[in-house]
Every structure is written in structure tokens, then in C-alpha cells.
């Protein structure tokens, strides 16, 4: 049976392929196609949406780039899911012996609302003061604390995001549920030492060397959606590194 078209409910105009991509993501999130299931072929989707094959292909390419979809030559396009490992592997850059860290966990410290200062608002693409949600999480490997991340996201862009983070998790999976697919980031890295507050959060002594990372995460539409300030204790494990290579 042909699926009923789903409205995109966009607040601002977007290119047609971007609108199709957002609706496909919404339908995947609602369970119309589950993980491992094949999407209808491009001709069927083009008919469903009333758009050209080229528009469907651009929409699918965007979802494939972020790891939501996986195209298999000669077999079709399959759902990997917004919560797949693709986002983790690409944007959590902690590595053990050169590989994505196994046993990685997220412990939610706090979620709170506040007003962004001028520089924070500008980094998130706003020309005027804006309300933000501040998400603080501790990263662990096999239960040992290795990082502390403080993320800011716009309340207007991600309303009630606090209800989606009851226990802590990879933030970009949650942003994907809002239709914001993170595809790249801009980072500034520095070597710092732990103050008393960070020392307590990471279980180290004050003065311990840490890696500091400031990140702006961008969507496939080049929209800044997260401002993050993180600290990592790479001394916790002998082979722990932070990989800055971006594909």
C-alpha cells in the first residue's frame, strides 16, 4: 500500500531535497521502516513525494552520509537507524589503540536552561540573545571517568530536549531525532591543567594535564547546532588518544 505523504512542518523554507530528507528521517523515526529494512526504490519514493528521482537521490545521499541509511550495491538502500554506531565513531574521537573506545558510557550530570552570552549565541548562529539548554555529561570507559563534556543547544531549535536525556547518551543521536543531522565539526584543541572542579568530576588531582576541546557541530545544511566545551584525561588508559582526523 502506498504510504500517505507526511508533512514536513518546516518553520523556514528549505531546498526541496532537504525537506524530503527531513520527512524520510521522521518516517524512519516513527518506525515506518525499521533498522535493517529496505526503503522502497527511488521510483516509488519519487512517486510518493511527487518529486524527481534526482531530488530523492540527494535526500538519500544526505542520510547515507550521516549513517542513517546504508546503500548496498545491487540490493537497495537499508535503514541503519539514527542511533547507529556511525555517529559515535565519527564524532566521539576517543580511541583505544587506534580504535573507537569499547565500553564507552555517558553519565548525565545535569541539564539546565539559561541565557547564552553574545559569543555563545553567535556561535550557534543567532544574532541576538537566545535561551539555551546546557547539558553536562561525564564520559567513562569501563566505568572509569575519561572526559567531561558541556554542550549548549538552542531552546528554540530543540525544545524540551531535557526529556530526551534521562540517563545520558550520545547527544547527536538525540539531535537526529529533531531532524538535525550532524555531519561535521570545527574544533580548537589545547593542553590545560585540571582545576579543583574538573579534578573532582574526573577523579584526578588538581593540576593534572588534560586535553581541552572546543567544538561547534554543524548539520548537513551547515547549520551550527551545538557548542561544546570538553576536557579529557588521556592518562587514564595507556593507549587512549583523541583522534582529530575528519573524513
Protein backbone atom coordinates (compact mmCIF):
# COMPACT_ATOMS: atom_id res chain seq x y z
CA UNK A 1 0.00 0.00 0.00
CA UNK A 2 1.30 3.43 -0.90
CA UNK A 3 2.30 5.42 2.17
CA UNK A 4 0.42 8.62 2.87
CA UNK A 5 2.62 11.70 2.46
CA UNK A 6 3.84 13.20 5.71
CA UNK A 7 4.01 16.99 6.13
CA UNK A 8 7.44 18.40 6.87
CA UNK A 9 6.09 21.15 9.19
CA UNK A 10 9.10 23.35 8.49
CA UNK A 11 9.30 26.78 10.11
CA UNK A 12 11.55 28.21 7.39
CA UNK A 13 11.95 27.41 3.68
CA UNK A 14 14.41 24.69 2.78
CA UNK A 15 15.59 23.20 -0.52
CA UNK A 16 13.21 20.51 -1.74
CA UNK A 17 15.73 17.67 -1.30
CA UNK A 18 16.32 18.85 2.29
CA UNK A 19 12.58 18.79 3.00
CA UNK A 20 12.32 15.27 1.57
CA UNK A 21 15.30 14.18 3.67
CA UNK A 22 13.70 15.54 6.85
CA UNK A 23 10.41 13.76 6.14
CA UNK A 24 12.21 10.49 5.40
CA UNK A 25 14.03 10.81 8.71
CA UNK A 26 10.76 11.48 10.53
CA UNK A 27 9.13 8.42 8.96
CA UNK A 28 12.13 6.27 9.91
CA UNK A 29 11.96 7.63 13.46
CA UNK A 30 8.25 6.77 13.62
CA UNK A 31 9.05 3.17 12.69
CA UNK A 32 7.70 3.05 9.14
CA UNK A 33 10.97 1.36 8.18
CA UNK A 34 12.90 -0.33 10.96
CA UNK A 35 16.62 -0.98 11.30
CA UNK A 36 17.76 -3.43 8.64
CA UNK A 37 14.68 -2.90 6.45
CA UNK A 38 14.93 -1.72 2.86
CA UNK A 39 13.38 1.54 1.71
CA UNK A 40 11.14 1.45 -1.38
CA UNK A 41 13.10 2.01 -4.57
CA UNK A 42 13.76 5.54 -5.81
CA UNK A 43 10.94 5.44 -8.37
CA UNK A 44 8.37 4.55 -5.71
CA UNK A 45 9.67 7.24 -3.34
CA UNK A 46 9.68 9.82 -6.12
CA UNK A 47 6.03 8.97 -6.81
CA UNK A 48 5.15 9.14 -3.10
CA UNK A 49 6.69 12.58 -2.68
CA UNK A 50 5.78 13.92 -6.11
CA UNK A 51 9.39 14.89 -6.83
CA UNK A 52 12.10 13.90 -9.29
CA UNK A 53 14.44 10.94 -8.95
CA UNK A 54 17.32 13.41 -8.59
CA UNK A 55 15.68 15.01 -5.56
CA UNK A 56 15.18 11.61 -3.93
CA UNK A 57 18.79 10.67 -4.58
CA UNK A 58 20.09 13.87 -2.97
CA UNK A 59 17.90 13.26 0.08
CA UNK A 60 19.11 9.66 0.40
CA UNK A 61 22.75 10.69 -0.04
CA UNK A 62 22.41 13.04 2.91
CA UNK A 63 21.00 10.31 5.15
CA UNK A 64 23.63 7.88 3.94
CA UNK A 65 26.40 10.35 4.76
CA UNK A 66 25.25 10.57 8.37
CA UNK A 67 24.90 6.80 8.77
CA UNK A 68 21.10 6.68 8.99
CA UNK A 69 20.88 4.79 5.69
CA UNK A 70 23.22 2.30 4.08
CA UNK A 71 23.21 1.72 0.33
CA UNK A 72 24.19 -1.78 -0.82
CA UNK A 73 25.09 -2.18 -4.48
CA UNK A 74 22.53 -4.26 -6.33
CA UNK A 75 20.38 -4.77 -3.23
CA UNK A 76 18.92 -1.40 -2.33
CA UNK A 77 19.01 1.14 0.50
CA UNK A 78 18.61 -0.04 4.07
CA UNK A 79 17.94 1.65 7.41
CA UNK A 80 20.84 1.68 9.86
CA UNK A 81 18.99 3.97 12.28
CA UNK A 82 19.71 7.40 13.81
CA UNK A 83 21.16 5.61 16.83
CA UNK A 84 23.65 3.59 14.81
CA UNK A 85 27.35 3.50 15.58
CA UNK A 86 28.12 5.79 12.63
CA UNK A 87 27.62 8.99 14.64
CA UNK A 88 29.57 7.61 17.60
CA UNK A 89 32.54 6.52 15.51
CA UNK A 90 32.72 9.80 13.62
CA UNK A 91 32.19 12.34 16.40
CA UNK A 92 33.34 10.65 19.58
CA UNK A 93 37.03 10.79 18.81
CA UNK A 94 38.32 8.88 21.83
CA UNK A 95 40.36 5.92 20.64
CA UNK A 96 42.00 3.00 22.40
CA UNK A 97 44.97 1.64 20.46
CA UNK A 98 43.68 3.46 17.36
CA UNK A 99 40.15 2.04 17.52
CA UNK A 100 36.85 3.51 18.78
CA UNK A 101 36.81 3.05 22.52
CA UNK A 102 34.81 -0.02 23.55
CA UNK A 103 32.82 0.18 26.77
CA UNK A 104 32.21 3.92 26.33
CA UNK A 105 29.42 5.27 28.51
CA UNK A 106 27.66 8.59 29.17
CA UNK A 107 26.65 9.68 32.67
CA UNK A 108 24.30 12.66 32.79
CA UNK A 109 25.48 15.20 35.36
CA UNK A 110 22.91 17.94 34.80
CA UNK A 111 20.57 19.59 32.28
CA UNK A 112 19.61 23.21 32.83
CA UNK A 113 18.35 26.25 30.95
CA UNK A 114 19.96 29.68 30.80
CA UNK A 115 20.56 32.64 28.51
CA UNK A 116 23.51 32.40 26.14
CA UNK A 117 26.05 35.22 26.17
CA UNK A 118 26.79 37.11 22.96
CA UNK A 119 29.64 34.88 21.79
CA UNK A 120 27.69 31.68 22.53
CA UNK A 121 24.63 32.95 20.67
CA UNK A 122 26.75 33.91 17.66
CA UNK A 123 28.45 30.51 17.65
CA UNK A 124 25.00 28.90 17.48
CA UNK A 125 24.03 31.10 14.53
CA UNK A 126 21.91 33.67 16.40
CA UNK A 127 22.40 37.39 16.02
CA UNK A 128 20.71 38.20 19.32
CA UNK A 129 20.49 36.69 22.83
CA UNK A 130 18.86 33.27 22.90
CA UNK A 131 17.86 30.72 25.52
CA UNK A 132 20.00 27.59 25.60
CA UNK A 133 19.89 24.20 27.25
CA UNK A 134 23.17 23.27 28.90
CA UNK A 135 23.88 19.53 29.00
CA UNK A 136 26.72 18.29 31.21
CA UNK A 137 27.87 14.69 30.82
CA UNK A 138 30.71 12.56 32.10
CA UNK A 139 32.27 10.06 29.68
CA UNK A 140 33.52 6.74 31.00
CA UNK A 141 35.35 3.73 29.64
CA UNK A 142 34.62 0.53 31.53
CA UNK A 143 33.25 2.70 34.33
CA UNK A 144 36.38 4.88 34.61
CA UNK A 145 35.86 8.65 34.00
CA UNK A 146 37.83 9.87 30.99
CA UNK A 147 36.03 13.05 29.93
CA UNK A 148 33.62 15.79 30.90
CA UNK A 149 31.53 17.47 28.18
CA UNK A 150 29.40 20.64 28.46
CA UNK A 151 27.10 21.16 25.45
CA UNK A 152 24.89 24.12 24.61
CA UNK A 153 21.94 23.85 22.21
CA UNK A 154 19.26 26.38 21.33
CA UNK A 155 15.94 26.02 23.15
CA UNK A 156 14.13 27.30 20.05
CA UNK A 157 15.76 24.66 17.85
CA UNK A 158 15.50 21.80 20.37
CA UNK A 159 12.55 22.37 22.72
CA UNK A 160 12.22 20.05 25.72
CA UNK A 161 15.43 18.23 24.86
CA UNK A 162 15.86 17.57 28.59
CA UNK A 163 13.09 14.98 28.36
CA UNK A 164 15.18 13.00 25.85
CA UNK A 165 18.24 12.69 28.10
CA UNK A 166 17.09 10.95 31.29
CA UNK A 167 20.27 8.91 31.79
CA UNK A 168 22.87 10.39 29.44
CA UNK A 169 23.76 9.34 25.91
CA UNK A 170 25.44 10.38 22.68
CA UNK A 171 23.90 13.83 22.14
CA UNK A 172 23.92 13.68 18.34
CA UNK A 173 21.55 10.73 18.36
CA UNK A 174 19.04 12.96 20.15
CA UNK A 175 19.60 15.86 17.75
CA UNK A 176 18.95 13.47 14.86
CA UNK A 177 15.51 12.77 16.31
CA UNK A 178 14.80 16.50 15.85
CA UNK A 179 15.92 16.27 12.22
CA UNK A 180 19.34 17.83 12.87
CA UNK A 181 21.91 15.50 11.29
CA UNK A 182 25.41 16.44 12.38
CA UNK A 183 27.91 15.85 9.58
CA UNK A 184 30.98 17.87 10.56
CA UNK A 185 32.52 19.87 13.36
CA UNK A 186 35.03 22.66 13.86
CA UNK A 187 37.35 22.14 16.83
CA UNK A 188 40.01 24.04 18.74
CA UNK A 189 42.29 21.93 20.93
CA UNK A 190 44.57 22.96 23.79
CA UNK A 191 46.57 21.40 26.63
CA UNK A 192 45.40 22.61 30.06
CA UNK A 193 45.54 21.53 33.69
CA UNK A 194 42.63 20.48 35.88
CA UNK A 195 41.21 22.99 38.32
CA UNK A 196 39.57 21.82 41.56
CA UNK A 197 36.13 21.49 39.93
CA UNK A 198 37.32 19.39 36.96
CA UNK A 199 39.59 17.35 39.22
CA UNK A 200 36.56 16.30 41.24
CA UNK A 201 34.47 15.49 38.17
CA UNK A 202 37.21 13.37 36.56
CA UNK A 203 38.67 11.84 39.69
CA UNK A 204 42.15 13.31 39.21
CA UNK A 205 44.36 15.65 41.22
CA UNK A 206 44.29 19.40 40.65
CA UNK A 207 46.99 20.32 38.16
CA UNK A 208 46.63 17.06 36.21
CA UNK A 209 47.25 17.65 32.47
CA UNK A 210 44.04 17.47 30.42
CA UNK A 211 43.08 17.87 26.78
CA UNK A 212 40.63 20.74 26.21
CA UNK A 213 38.39 20.70 23.10
CA UNK A 214 36.03 23.46 21.99
CA UNK A 215 33.66 22.32 19.24
CA UNK A 216 30.95 23.74 17.03
CA UNK A 217 28.87 20.96 15.45
CA UNK A 218 27.29 21.59 12.05
CA UNK A 219 24.43 19.84 10.27
CA UNK A 220 24.34 18.67 6.69
CA UNK A 221 22.79 22.08 5.92
CA UNK A 222 25.81 23.78 7.58
CA UNK A 223 23.66 24.97 10.48
CA UNK A 224 25.52 25.26 13.83
CA UNK A 225 23.52 23.26 16.37
CA UNK A 226 25.86 22.58 19.29
CA UNK A 227 28.58 24.48 21.11
CA UNK A 228 30.66 22.13 23.25
CA UNK A 229 33.45 22.63 25.79
CA UNK A 230 35.11 19.36 26.79
CA UNK A 231 38.01 18.08 28.87
CA UNK A 232 39.58 14.64 28.56
CA UNK A 233 42.01 12.73 30.76
CA UNK A 234 44.04 10.75 28.23
CA UNK A 235 46.30 9.44 31.01
CA UNK A 236 43.55 7.17 32.36
CA UNK A 237 44.48 4.42 29.88
CA UNK A 238 47.96 3.98 28.32
CA UNK A 239 46.68 3.74 24.71
CA UNK A 240 43.90 6.37 24.94
CA UNK A 241 44.08 9.11 22.32
CA UNK A 242 41.84 11.80 20.80
CA UNK A 243 41.62 11.44 17.03
CA UNK A 244 41.16 14.76 15.23
CA UNK A 245 41.05 13.30 11.71
CA UNK A 246 37.82 14.27 9.93
CA UNK A 247 36.62 12.24 6.96
